[in-house]
């Protein structure tokens, strides 16, 4: 189950409209629930808020947050490279 501290870290990593971003990411990865259905935004919200325990969705949320952090780090490195070339 996701704790409050973990939730805050995940939201910080993903940014504004985090539920929609997680939902869109899950749709692009063709993620399905254990019942073979698409995961709803409500399900994501319940798992992220810690009111519903679902390890499969929790893992997908953490994967999405990890991906966003990786993208942010790559962007920062590109910016640093450009600034080095200009200086």
PDB file of N, CA and C in Angstrom:
ATOM      1  N   UNK A   1       0.841  -1.174   0.000  1.00  0.00           N
ATOM      2  CA  UNK A   1       0.000   0.000   0.000  1.00  0.00           C
ATOM      3  C   UNK A   1       0.891   1.243   0.000  1.00  0.00           C
ATOM      4  N   UNK A   2       0.528   2.232  -0.748  1.00  0.00           N
ATOM      5  CA  UNK A   2       1.304   3.468  -0.862  1.00  0.00           C
ATOM      6  C   UNK A   2       1.063   4.335   0.364  1.00  0.00           C
ATOM      7  N   UNK A   3       2.145   4.776   0.994  1.00  0.00           N
ATOM      8  CA  UNK A   3       2.036   5.638   2.170  1.00  0.00           C
ATOM      9  C   UNK A   3       1.889   7.093   1.735  1.00  0.00           C
ATOM     10  N   UNK A   4       1.588   7.943   2.686  1.00  0.00           N
ATOM     11  CA  UNK A   4       1.411   9.366   2.390  1.00  0.00           C
ATOM     12  C   UNK A   4       2.717   9.992   1.877  1.00  0.00           C
ATOM     13  N   UNK A   5       3.834   9.611   2.464  1.00  0.00           N
ATOM     14  CA  UNK A   5       5.133  10.144   2.040  1.00  0.00           C
ATOM     15  C   UNK A   5       5.451   9.688   0.628  1.00  0.00           C
ATOM     16  N   UNK A   6       5.208   8.413   0.337  1.00  0.00           N
ATOM     17  CA  UNK A   6       5.430   7.898  -1.016  1.00  0.00           C
ATOM     18  C   UNK A   6       4.522   8.612  -2.015  1.00  0.00           C
ATOM     19  N   UNK A   7       3.259   8.813  -1.637  1.00  0.00           N
ATOM     20  CA  UNK A   7       2.311   9.495  -2.517  1.00  0.00           C
ATOM     21  C   UNK A   7       2.814  10.894  -2.867  1.00  0.00           C
ATOM     22  N   UNK A   8       3.267  11.624  -1.860  1.00  0.00           N
ATOM     23  CA  UNK A   8       3.769  12.976  -2.105  1.00  0.00           C
ATOM     24  C   UNK A   8       4.969  12.958  -3.042  1.00  0.00           C
ATOM     25  N   UNK A   9       5.850  11.986  -2.881  1.00  0.00           N
ATOM     26  CA  UNK A   9       7.025  11.865  -3.754  1.00  0.00           C
ATOM     27  C   UNK A   9       6.617  11.522  -5.186  1.00  0.00           C
ATOM     28  N   UNK A  10       5.651  10.640  -5.320  1.00  0.00           N
ATOM     29  CA  UNK A  10       5.169  10.251  -6.652  1.00  0.00           C
ATOM     30  C   UNK A  10       4.532  11.447  -7.348  1.00  0.00           C
ATOM     31  N   UNK A  11       3.698  12.180  -6.622  1.00  0.00           N
ATOM     32  CA  UNK A  11       3.034  13.356  -7.197  1.00  0.00           C
ATOM     33  C   UNK A  11       4.074  14.403  -7.604  1.00  0.00           C
ATOM     34  N   UNK A  12       5.088  14.591  -6.771  1.00  0.00           N
ATOM     35  CA  UNK A  12       6.159  15.548  -7.099  1.00  0.00           C
ATOM     36  C   UNK A  12       6.907  15.104  -8.350  1.00  0.00           C
ATOM     37  N   UNK A  13       7.142  13.805  -8.476  1.00  0.00           N
ATOM     38  CA  UNK A  13       7.874  13.285  -9.635  1.00  0.00           C
ATOM     39  C   UNK A  13       7.071  13.427 -10.922  1.00  0.00           C
ATOM     40  N   UNK A  14       5.781  13.186 -10.851  1.00  0.00           N
ATOM     41  CA  UNK A  14       4.949  13.196 -12.063  1.00  0.00           C
ATOM     42  C   UNK A  14       4.465  14.597 -12.405  1.00  0.00           C
ATOM     43  N   UNK A  15       4.171  15.398 -11.403  1.00  0.00           N
ATOM     44  CA  UNK A  15       3.768  16.772 -11.643  1.00  0.00           C
ATOM     45  C   UNK A  15       2.262  16.963 -11.622  1.00  0.00           C
ATOM     46  N   UNK A  16       1.839  18.130 -12.099  1.00  0.00           N
ATOM     47  CA  UNK A  16       0.420  18.470 -12.125  1.00  0.00           C
ATOM     48  C   UNK A  16      -0.352  17.475 -12.984  1.00  0.00           C
ATOM     49  N   UNK A  17      -1.607  17.316 -12.650  1.00  0.00           N
ATOM     50  CA  UNK A  17      -2.485  16.374 -13.360  1.00  0.00           C
ATOM     51  C   UNK A  17      -1.912  14.958 -13.341  1.00  0.00           C
ATOM     52  N   UNK A  18      -1.384  14.564 -12.206  1.00  0.00           N
ATOM     53  CA  UNK A  18      -0.700  13.285 -12.084  1.00  0.00           C
ATOM     54  C   UNK A  18      -1.593  12.090 -12.399  1.00  0.00           C
ATOM     55  N   UNK A  19      -2.856  12.126 -12.011  1.00  0.00           N
ATOM     56  CA  UNK A  19      -3.753  10.997 -12.283  1.00  0.00           C
ATOM     57  C   UNK A  19      -3.922  10.833 -13.797  1.00  0.00           C
ATOM     58  N   UNK A  20      -4.144  11.928 -14.502  1.00  0.00           N
ATOM     59  CA  UNK A  20      -4.300  11.867 -15.957  1.00  0.00           C
ATOM     60  C   UNK A  20      -3.022  11.392 -16.639  1.00  0.00           C
ATOM     61  N   UNK A  21      -1.878  11.848 -16.151  1.00  0.00           N
ATOM     62  CA  UNK A  21      -0.607  11.429 -16.741  1.00  0.00           C
ATOM     63  C   UNK A  21      -0.371   9.939 -16.527  1.00  0.00           C
ATOM     64  N   UNK A  22      -0.685   9.441 -15.338  1.00  0.00           N
ATOM     65  CA  UNK A  22      -0.539   8.004 -15.066  1.00  0.00           C
ATOM     66  C   UNK A  22      -1.501   7.223 -15.948  1.00  0.00           C
ATOM     67  N   UNK A  23      -2.738   7.688 -16.042  1.00  0.00           N
ATOM     68  CA  UNK A  23      -3.754   7.023 -16.862  1.00  0.00           C
ATOM     69  C   UNK A  23      -3.320   6.960 -18.327  1.00  0.00           C
ATOM     70  N   UNK A  24      -2.852   8.078 -18.860  1.00  0.00           N
ATOM     71  CA  UNK A  24      -2.398   8.114 -20.252  1.00  0.00           C
ATOM     72  C   UNK A  24      -1.208   7.182 -20.472  1.00  0.00           C
ATOM     73  N   UNK A  25      -0.282   7.158 -19.524  1.00  0.00           N
ATOM     74  CA  UNK A  25       0.877   6.278 -19.643  1.00  0.00           C
ATOM     75  C   UNK A  25       0.446   4.814 -19.634  1.00  0.00           C
ATOM     76  N   UNK A  26      -0.494   4.473 -18.756  1.00  0.00           N
ATOM     77  CA  UNK A  26      -0.980   3.092 -18.698  1.00  0.00           C
ATOM     78  C   UNK A  26      -1.675   2.692 -19.995  1.00  0.00           C
ATOM     79  N   UNK A  27      -2.390   3.640 -20.600  1.00  0.00           N
ATOM     80  CA  UNK A  27      -3.053   3.339 -21.871  1.00  0.00           C
ATOM     81  C   UNK A  27      -2.035   3.085 -22.979  1.00  0.00           C
ATOM     82  N   UNK A  28      -0.940   3.823 -22.997  1.00  0.00           N
ATOM     83  CA  UNK A  28       0.073   3.626 -24.042  1.00  0.00           C
ATOM     84  C   UNK A  28       0.822   2.312 -23.857  1.00  0.00           C
ATOM     85  N   UNK A  29       0.890   1.833 -22.623  1.00  0.00           N
ATOM     86  CA  UNK A  29       1.580   0.566 -22.372  1.00  0.00           C
ATOM     87  C   UNK A  29       0.623  -0.615 -22.454  1.00  0.00           C
ATOM     88  N   UNK A  30      -0.644  -0.341 -22.787  1.00  0.00           N
ATOM     89  CA  UNK A  30      -1.679  -1.376 -22.895  1.00  0.00           C
ATOM     90  C   UNK A  30      -1.827  -2.151 -21.588  1.00  0.00           C
ATOM     91  N   UNK A  31      -1.761  -1.426 -20.486  1.00  0.00           N
ATOM     92  CA  UNK A  31      -1.873  -2.022 -19.154  1.00  0.00           C
ATOM     93  C   UNK A  31      -3.321  -2.405 -18.882  1.00  0.00           C
ATOM     94  N   UNK A  32      -3.526  -3.571 -18.325  1.00  0.00           N
ATOM     95  CA  UNK A  32      -4.863  -4.046 -17.965  1.00  0.00           C
ATOM     96  C   UNK A  32      -4.855  -4.488 -16.504  1.00  0.00           C
ATOM     97  N   UNK A  33      -6.011  -4.435 -15.879  1.00  0.00           N
ATOM     98  CA  UNK A  33      -6.132  -4.921 -14.509  1.00  0.00           C
ATOM     99  C   UNK A  33      -6.072  -6.443 -14.512  1.00  0.00           C
ATOM    100  N   UNK A  34      -6.090  -7.035 -13.342  1.00  0.00           N
ATOM    101  CA  UNK A  34      -6.029  -8.492 -13.267  1.00  0.00           C
ATOM    102  C   UNK A  34      -7.255  -9.139 -13.902  1.00  0.00           C
ATOM    103  N   UNK A  35      -8.304  -8.355 -14.093  1.00  0.00           N
ATOM    104  CA  UNK A  35      -9.524  -8.864 -14.722  1.00  0.00           C
ATOM    105  C   UNK A  35      -9.545  -8.615 -16.222  1.00  0.00           C
ATOM    106  N   UNK A  36      -8.450  -8.074 -16.762  1.00  0.00           N
ATOM    107  CA  UNK A  36      -8.353  -7.839 -18.193  1.00  0.00           C
ATOM    108  C   UNK A  36      -9.019  -6.556 -18.661  1.00  0.00           C
ATOM    109  N   UNK A  37      -9.412  -5.700 -17.726  1.00  0.00           N
ATOM    110  CA  UNK A  37     -10.053  -4.427 -18.078  1.00  0.00           C
ATOM    111  C   UNK A  37      -9.073  -3.274 -17.932  1.00  0.00           C
ATOM    112  N   UNK A  38      -9.401  -2.173 -18.624  1.00  0.00           N
ATOM    113  CA  UNK A  38      -8.581  -0.969 -18.460  1.00  0.00           C
ATOM    114  C   UNK A  38      -8.724  -0.450 -17.045  1.00  0.00           C
ATOM    115  N   UNK A  39      -7.665   0.150 -16.550  1.00  0.00           N
ATOM    116  CA  UNK A  39      -7.681   0.743 -15.223  1.00  0.00           C
ATOM    117  C   UNK A  39      -8.283   2.136 -15.336  1.00  0.00           C
ATOM    118  N   UNK A  40      -9.219   2.467 -14.443  1.00  0.00           N
ATOM    119  CA  UNK A  40      -9.859   3.777 -14.482  1.00  0.00           C
ATOM    120  C   UNK A  40      -9.058   4.792 -13.668  1.00  0.00           C
ATOM    121  N   UNK A  41      -9.354   6.064 -13.896  1.00  0.00           N
ATOM    122  CA  UNK A  41      -8.694   7.114 -13.124  1.00  0.00           C
ATOM    123  C   UNK A  41      -9.063   6.996 -11.648  1.00  0.00           C
ATOM    124  N   UNK A  42     -10.279   6.557 -11.374  1.00  0.00           N
ATOM    125  CA  UNK A  42     -10.704   6.364  -9.989  1.00  0.00           C
ATOM    126  C   UNK A  42      -9.895   5.285  -9.289  1.00  0.00           C
ATOM    127  N   UNK A  43      -9.617   4.205 -10.000  1.00  0.00           N
ATOM    128  CA  UNK A  43      -8.801   3.130  -9.430  1.00  0.00           C
ATOM    129  C   UNK A  43      -7.399   3.633  -9.126  1.00  0.00           C
ATOM    130  N   UNK A  44      -6.832   4.391 -10.059  1.00  0.00           N
ATOM    131  CA  UNK A  44      -5.494   4.948  -9.863  1.00  0.00           C
ATOM    132  C   UNK A  44      -5.484   5.852  -8.639  1.00  0.00           C
ATOM    133  N   UNK A  45      -6.504   6.703  -8.529  1.00  0.00           N
ATOM    134  CA  UNK A  45      -6.600   7.635  -7.411  1.00  0.00           C
ATOM    135  C   UNK A  45      -6.698   6.896  -6.081  1.00  0.00           C
ATOM    136  N   UNK A  46      -7.516   5.854  -6.025  1.00  0.00           N
ATOM    137  CA  UNK A  46      -7.673   5.096  -4.781  1.00  0.00           C
ATOM    138  C   UNK A  46      -6.373   4.412  -4.370  1.00  0.00           C
ATOM    139  N   UNK A  47      -5.658   3.851  -5.325  1.00  0.00           N
ATOM    140  CA  UNK A  47      -4.390   3.194  -5.010  1.00  0.00           C
ATOM    141  C   UNK A  47      -3.351   4.232  -4.590  1.00  0.00           C
ATOM    142  N   UNK A  48      -3.294   5.349  -5.309  1.00  0.00           N
ATOM    143  CA  UNK A  48      -2.315   6.394  -4.998  1.00  0.00           C
ATOM    144  C   UNK A  48      -2.574   7.022  -3.634  1.00  0.00           C
ATOM    145  N   UNK A  49      -3.835   7.151  -3.257  1.00  0.00           N
ATOM    146  CA  UNK A  49      -4.180   7.744  -1.961  1.00  0.00           C
ATOM    147  C   UNK A  49      -4.111   6.747  -0.812  1.00  0.00           C
ATOM    148  N   UNK A  50      -3.848   5.483  -1.139  1.00  0.00           N
ATOM    149  CA  UNK A  50      -3.703   4.481  -0.101  1.00  0.00           C
ATOM    150  C   UNK A  50      -5.017   3.955   0.456  1.00  0.00           C
ATOM    151  N   UNK A  51      -6.123   4.236  -0.224  1.00  0.00           N
ATOM    152  CA  UNK A  51      -7.420   3.744   0.251  1.00  0.00           C
ATOM    153  C   UNK A  51      -7.778   2.391  -0.341  1.00  0.00           C
ATOM    154  N   UNK A  52      -7.022   1.962  -1.331  1.00  0.00           N
ATOM    155  CA  UNK A  52      -7.275   0.675  -1.971  1.00  0.00           C
ATOM    156  C   UNK A  52      -5.938   0.006  -2.240  1.00  0.00           C
ATOM    157  N   UNK A  53      -5.804  -1.235  -1.860  1.00  0.00           N
ATOM    158  CA  UNK A  53      -4.543  -1.959  -2.011  1.00  0.00           C
ATOM    159  C   UNK A  53      -4.582  -2.811  -3.278  1.00  0.00           C
ATOM    160  N   UNK A  54      -3.712  -2.489  -4.231  1.00  0.00           N
ATOM    161  CA  UNK A  54      -3.608  -3.254  -5.474  1.00  0.00           C
ATOM    162  C   UNK A  54      -2.157  -3.163  -5.934  1.00  0.00           C
ATOM    163  N   UNK A  55      -1.405  -4.227  -5.707  1.00  0.00           N
ATOM    164  CA  UNK A  55       0.026  -4.206  -5.990  1.00  0.00           C
ATOM    165  C   UNK A  55       0.334  -4.033  -7.474  1.00  0.00           C
ATOM    166  N   UNK A  56      -0.512  -4.533  -8.341  1.00  0.00           N
ATOM    167  CA  UNK A  56      -0.266  -4.426  -9.783  1.00  0.00           C
ATOM    168  C   UNK A  56      -0.351  -2.966 -10.222  1.00  0.00           C
ATOM    169  N   UNK A  57      -1.403  -2.278  -9.800  1.00  0.00           N
ATOM    170  CA  UNK A  57      -1.554  -0.864 -10.159  1.00  0.00           C
ATOM    171  C   UNK A  57      -0.489  -0.033  -9.450  1.00  0.00           C
ATOM    172  N   UNK A  58      -0.181  -0.383  -8.216  1.00  0.00           N
ATOM    173  CA  UNK A  58       0.862   0.325  -7.469  1.00  0.00           C
ATOM    174  C   UNK A  58       2.208   0.241  -8.191  1.00  0.00           C
ATOM    175  N   UNK A  59       2.545  -0.925  -8.679  1.00  0.00           N
ATOM    176  CA  UNK A  59       3.790  -1.106  -9.423  1.00  0.00           C
ATOM    177  C   UNK A  59       3.781  -0.273 -10.692  1.00  0.00           C
ATOM    178  N   UNK A  60       2.647  -0.233 -11.383  1.00  0.00           N
ATOM    179  CA  UNK A  60       2.543   0.568 -12.602  1.00  0.00           C
ATOM    180  C   UNK A  60       2.706   2.055 -12.297  1.00  0.00           C
ATOM    181  N   UNK A  61       2.138   2.520 -11.191  1.00  0.00           N
ATOM    182  CA  UNK A  61       2.274   3.922 -10.789  1.00  0.00           C
ATOM    183  C   UNK A  61       3.749   4.237 -10.506  1.00  0.00           C
ATOM    184  N   UNK A  62       4.417   3.350  -9.803  1.00  0.00           N
ATOM    185  CA  UNK A  62       5.837   3.561  -9.493  1.00  0.00           C
ATOM    186  C   UNK A  62       6.695   3.534 -10.758  1.00  0.00           C
ATOM    187  N   UNK A  63       6.347   2.674 -11.708  1.00  0.00           N
ATOM    188  CA  UNK A  63       7.059   2.643 -12.990  1.00  0.00           C
ATOM    189  C   UNK A  63       6.897   3.963 -13.732  1.00  0.00           C
ATOM    190  N   UNK A  64       5.690   4.497 -13.709  1.00  0.00           N
ATOM    191  CA  UNK A  64       5.420   5.779 -14.377  1.00  0.00           C
ATOM    192  C   UNK A  64       6.229   6.899 -13.722  1.00  0.00           C
ATOM    193  N   UNK A  65       6.249   6.933 -12.394  1.00  0.00           N
ATOM    194  CA  UNK A  65       7.015   7.958 -11.684  1.00  0.00           C
ATOM    195  C   UNK A  65       8.504   7.832 -11.994  1.00  0.00           C
ATOM    196  N   UNK A  66       8.990   6.613 -12.040  1.00  0.00           N
ATOM    197  CA  UNK A  66      10.403   6.373 -12.361  1.00  0.00           C
ATOM    198  C   UNK A  66      10.728   6.861 -13.769  1.00  0.00           C
ATOM    199  N   UNK A  67       9.843   6.595 -14.702  1.00  0.00           N
ATOM    200  CA  UNK A  67      10.034   7.034 -16.088  1.00  0.00           C
ATOM    201  C   UNK A  67      10.078   8.556 -16.163  1.00  0.00           C
ATOM    202  N   UNK A  68       9.180   9.225 -15.447  1.00  0.00           N
ATOM    203  CA  UNK A  68       9.151  10.689 -15.452  1.00  0.00           C
ATOM    204  C   UNK A  68      10.431  11.262 -14.851  1.00  0.00           C
ATOM    205  N   UNK A  69      10.929  10.649 -13.787  1.00  0.00           N
ATOM    206  CA  UNK A  69      12.187  11.118 -13.192  1.00  0.00           C
ATOM    207  C   UNK A  69      13.351  10.952 -14.154  1.00  0.00           C
ATOM    208  N   UNK A  70      13.379   9.826 -14.860  1.00  0.00           N
ATOM    209  CA  UNK A  70      14.431   9.574 -15.847  1.00  0.00           C
ATOM    210  C   UNK A  70      14.372  10.617 -16.964  1.00  0.00           C
ATOM    211  N   UNK A  71      13.152  10.917 -17.445  1.00  0.00           N
ATOM    212  CA  UNK A  71      12.994  11.918 -18.509  1.00  0.00           C
ATOM    213  C   UNK A  71      13.455  13.287 -18.032  1.00  0.00           C
ATOM    214  N   UNK A  72      13.113  13.626 -16.788  1.00  0.00           N
ATOM    215  CA  UNK A  72      13.507  14.932 -16.242  1.00  0.00           C
ATOM    216  C   UNK A  72      15.031  15.024 -16.127  1.00  0.00           C
ATOM    217  N   UNK A  73      15.670  13.940 -15.684  1.00  0.00           N
ATOM    218  CA  UNK A  73      17.126  13.931 -15.551  1.00  0.00           C
ATOM    219  C   UNK A  73      17.792  14.058 -16.920  1.00  0.00           C
ATOM    220  N   UNK A  74      17.271  13.371 -17.925  1.00  0.00           N
ATOM    221  CA  UNK A  74      17.822  13.445 -19.280  1.00  0.00           C
ATOM    222  C   UNK A  74      17.701  14.866 -19.826  1.00  0.00           C
ATOM    223  N   UNK A  75      16.584  15.518 -19.557  1.00  0.00           N
ATOM    224  CA  UNK A  75      16.381  16.889 -20.019  1.00  0.00           C
ATOM    225  C   UNK A  75      17.370  17.836 -19.344  1.00  0.00           C
ATOM    226  N   UNK A  76      17.583  17.661 -18.050  1.00  0.00           N
ATOM    227  CA  UNK A  76      18.540  18.504 -17.331  1.00  0.00           C
ATOM    228  C   UNK A  76      19.956  18.326 -17.881  1.00  0.00           C
ATOM    229  N   UNK A  77      20.308  17.092 -18.223  1.00  0.00           N
ATOM    230  CA  UNK A  77      21.633  16.839 -18.799  1.00  0.00           C
ATOM    231  C   UNK A  77      21.774  17.501 -20.162  1.00  0.00           C
ATOM    232  N   UNK A  78      20.724  17.477 -20.969  1.00  0.00           N
ATOM    233  CA  UNK A  78      20.755  18.145 -22.274  1.00  0.00           C
ATOM    234  C   UNK A  78      20.926  19.650 -22.102  1.00  0.00           C
ATOM    235  N   UNK A  79      20.202  20.215 -21.154  1.00  0.00           N
ATOM    236  CA  UNK A  79      20.321  21.648 -20.893  1.00  0.00           C
ATOM    237  C   UNK A  79      21.744  22.004 -20.466  1.00  0.00           C
ATOM    238  N   UNK A  80      22.315  21.192 -19.594  1.00  0.00           N
ATOM    239  CA  UNK A  80      23.683  21.439 -19.114  1.00  0.00           C
ATOM    240  C   UNK A  80      24.676  21.353 -20.270  1.00  0.00           C
ATOM    241  N   UNK A  81      24.489  20.399 -21.166  1.00  0.00           N
ATOM    242  CA  UNK A  81      25.351  20.247 -22.334  1.00  0.00           C
ATOM    243  C   UNK A  81      25.286  21.471 -23.241  1.00  0.00           C
ATOM    244  N   UNK A  82      24.081  21.944 -23.469  1.00  0.00           N
ATOM    245  CA  UNK A  82      23.894  23.120 -24.330  1.00  0.00           C
ATOM    246  C   UNK A  82      24.564  24.334 -23.698  1.00  0.00           C
ATOM    247  N   UNK A  83      24.403  24.507 -22.400  1.00  0.00           N
ATOM    248  CA  UNK A  83      25.014  25.648 -21.710  1.00  0.00           C
ATOM    249  C   UNK A  83      26.543  25.569 -21.762  1.00  0.00           C
ATOM    250  N   UNK A  84      27.105  24.366 -21.687  1.00  0.00           N
ATOM    251  CA  UNK A  84      28.560  24.207 -21.796  1.00  0.00           C
ATOM    252  C   UNK A  84      29.042  24.624 -23.178  1.00  0.00           C
ATOM    253  N   UNK A  85      28.294  24.261 -24.205  1.00  0.00           N
ATOM    254  CA  UNK A  85      28.692  24.583 -25.580  1.00  0.00           C
ATOM    255  C   UNK A  85      28.599  26.082 -25.852  1.00  0.00           C
ATOM    256  N   UNK A  86      27.642  26.732 -25.253  1.00  0.00           N
ATOM    257  CA  UNK A  86      27.451  28.169 -25.480  1.00  0.00           C
ATOM    258  C   UNK A  86      28.503  28.975 -24.731  1.00  0.00           C
ATOM    259  N   UNK A  87      28.908  28.514 -23.573  1.00  0.00           N
ATOM    260  CA  UNK A  87      29.859  29.271 -22.732  1.00  0.00           C
ATOM    261  C   UNK A  87      31.209  29.238 -23.295  1.00  0.00           C
TER     262      UNK A  87
END
